[in-house]
């Protein structure tokens, strides 16, 4: 488990520093929908946007516990601002498609977090899926 976390963190750091800057509108729309659902406390409504790979690493039950804990610790999302975005096409890999990394400053009723999405859109799909979501207190 510790090795998976280190690997995921390394991939995210690599993506943040290597990929070109512009993210397409589909990625931003997904993040906006995600935060709209959080504002109305529809945590499980966001599960449809997560990849199958995400739920192989984290059960839906554990994800729900995580979002409930975030809500209990920080309260409602009051505002969010995109502070960093990167994307690139993946070629000559097992998973052909597009990857996007979006980083947000998020204000909650009781504090602030910095939240990072790693999104992936397979070459034959028309939408992104959340492959990783990380939220850190500020």
Protein backbone atom coordinates (compact mmCIF):
# COMPACT_ATOMS: atom_id res chain seq x y z
CA UNK A 1 0.00 0.00 0.00
CA UNK A 2 2.80 2.43 0.92
CA UNK A 3 4.55 1.71 -2.39
CA UNK A 4 1.32 2.44 -4.33
CA UNK A 5 0.97 5.80 -2.57
CA UNK A 6 4.59 6.69 -3.33
CA UNK A 7 4.13 5.65 -6.97
CA UNK A 8 0.93 7.69 -7.33
CA UNK A 9 2.58 10.75 -5.75
CA UNK A 10 5.58 10.40 -8.07
CA UNK A 11 3.33 10.19 -11.14
CA UNK A 12 1.38 13.26 -10.05
CA UNK A 13 4.56 15.28 -9.48
CA UNK A 14 5.90 14.18 -12.84
CA UNK A 15 2.66 15.16 -14.55
CA UNK A 16 2.60 18.57 -12.86
CA UNK A 17 6.08 19.49 -14.07
CA UNK A 18 6.25 17.81 -17.49
CA UNK A 19 2.89 18.34 -19.16
CA UNK A 20 1.91 21.38 -21.23
CA UNK A 21 -0.34 23.91 -19.53
CA UNK A 22 -3.77 24.06 -21.23
CA UNK A 23 -6.57 21.71 -20.16
CA UNK A 24 -9.62 21.26 -22.37
CA UNK A 25 -13.12 22.29 -21.31
CA UNK A 26 -14.25 18.71 -20.60
CA UNK A 27 -11.83 18.42 -17.68
CA UNK A 28 -12.92 21.75 -16.21
CA UNK A 29 -16.61 20.82 -16.61
CA UNK A 30 -16.01 17.58 -14.69
CA UNK A 31 -14.40 19.47 -11.80
CA UNK A 32 -17.24 22.02 -11.75
CA UNK A 33 -19.82 19.22 -11.61
CA UNK A 34 -17.83 17.49 -8.86
CA UNK A 35 -17.82 20.64 -6.68
CA UNK A 36 -21.48 21.35 -7.44
CA UNK A 37 -22.31 17.89 -6.09
CA UNK A 38 -20.17 18.51 -2.99
CA UNK A 39 -22.00 21.76 -2.32
CA UNK A 40 -25.32 19.87 -2.13
CA UNK A 41 -23.75 17.00 -0.14
CA UNK A 42 -24.22 14.50 -2.99
CA UNK A 43 -20.95 12.68 -2.33
CA UNK A 44 -22.03 9.39 -3.90
CA UNK A 45 -23.29 11.28 -6.97
CA UNK A 46 -19.65 11.95 -7.80
CA UNK A 47 -18.79 8.24 -7.91
CA UNK A 48 -19.95 8.01 -11.53
CA UNK A 49 -17.02 10.29 -12.48
CA UNK A 50 -14.35 8.06 -10.91
CA UNK A 51 -12.50 5.46 -12.98
CA UNK A 52 -12.75 1.72 -12.36
CA UNK A 53 -9.03 1.83 -11.51
CA UNK A 54 -9.78 4.24 -8.67
CA UNK A 55 -12.33 1.85 -7.19
CA UNK A 56 -9.88 -1.04 -7.49
CA UNK A 57 -7.63 0.90 -5.09
CA UNK A 58 -10.36 2.39 -2.88
CA UNK A 59 -13.76 0.92 -2.12
CA UNK A 60 -16.88 3.05 -2.52
CA UNK A 61 -17.50 2.59 1.20
CA UNK A 62 -14.04 4.01 2.04
CA UNK A 63 -14.49 6.85 -0.45
CA UNK A 64 -17.80 7.77 1.17
CA UNK A 65 -16.17 7.71 4.62
CA UNK A 66 -13.42 10.00 3.27
CA UNK A 67 -15.85 12.57 1.85
CA UNK A 68 -17.95 12.49 5.03
CA UNK A 69 -14.80 13.05 7.12
CA UNK A 70 -13.78 15.97 4.91
CA UNK A 71 -17.25 17.47 5.34
CA UNK A 72 -17.21 16.93 9.12
CA UNK A 73 -13.70 18.42 9.46
CA UNK A 74 -13.96 21.36 7.04
CA UNK A 75 -17.67 21.92 6.44
CA UNK A 76 -19.41 22.98 3.25
CA UNK A 77 -17.47 23.97 0.14
CA UNK A 78 -17.99 27.73 -0.16
CA UNK A 79 -15.67 28.48 -3.08
CA UNK A 80 -13.06 26.85 -5.30
CA UNK A 81 -10.48 28.31 -7.65
CA UNK A 82 -8.40 26.56 -10.29
CA UNK A 83 -4.74 27.38 -9.57
CA UNK A 84 -2.89 24.97 -11.86
CA UNK A 85 -3.72 22.86 -14.89
CA UNK A 86 -1.71 20.54 -17.10
CA UNK A 87 -2.65 18.07 -19.80
CA UNK A 88 -1.12 15.94 -22.49
CA UNK A 89 -1.91 13.11 -24.86
CA UNK A 90 -0.46 9.72 -24.01
CA UNK A 91 0.91 7.87 -27.01
CA UNK A 92 2.74 4.58 -27.42
CA UNK A 93 1.50 3.37 -24.05
CA UNK A 94 -0.89 0.68 -22.92
CA UNK A 95 -3.48 3.35 -22.10
CA UNK A 96 -3.75 5.63 -25.10
CA UNK A 97 -5.65 8.80 -24.35
CA UNK A 98 -5.40 12.12 -22.62
CA UNK A 99 -4.37 12.90 -19.06
CA UNK A 100 -5.17 16.13 -17.20
CA UNK A 101 -4.06 17.33 -13.78
CA UNK A 102 -6.09 20.10 -12.14
CA UNK A 103 -5.21 21.72 -8.82
CA UNK A 104 -7.70 23.83 -6.86
CA UNK A 105 -7.66 26.06 -3.80
CA UNK A 106 -10.89 25.17 -2.01
CA UNK A 107 -12.51 27.27 0.71
CA UNK A 108 -14.73 25.47 3.20
CA UNK A 109 -16.82 26.87 6.01
CA UNK A 110 -14.14 25.78 8.54
CA UNK A 111 -10.87 25.99 6.62
CA UNK A 112 -9.10 25.59 3.30
CA UNK A 113 -7.75 22.67 1.30
CA UNK A 114 -5.67 22.21 -1.82
CA UNK A 115 -7.21 19.54 -4.02
CA UNK A 116 -5.69 17.77 -7.00
CA UNK A 117 -7.50 15.75 -9.64
CA UNK A 118 -5.74 13.40 -12.03
CA UNK A 119 -8.15 12.78 -14.90
CA UNK A 120 -7.85 10.32 -17.76
CA UNK A 121 -9.81 10.11 -20.99
CA UNK A 122 -9.25 6.96 -23.07
CA UNK A 123 -8.79 7.53 -26.78
CA UNK A 124 -12.14 5.91 -27.60
CA UNK A 125 -14.17 7.75 -24.92
CA UNK A 126 -15.72 11.19 -25.01
CA UNK A 127 -15.34 12.03 -21.31
CA UNK A 128 -12.76 12.11 -18.55
CA UNK A 129 -12.74 9.89 -15.47
CA UNK A 130 -11.17 10.81 -12.13
CA UNK A 131 -8.24 8.47 -11.68
CA UNK A 132 -6.92 10.08 -8.49
CA UNK A 133 -8.19 12.71 -6.05
CA UNK A 134 -6.00 14.19 -3.32
CA UNK A 135 -7.10 16.77 -0.75
CA UNK A 136 -4.63 18.36 1.64
CA UNK A 137 -5.39 20.90 4.41
CA UNK A 138 -3.81 24.33 3.98
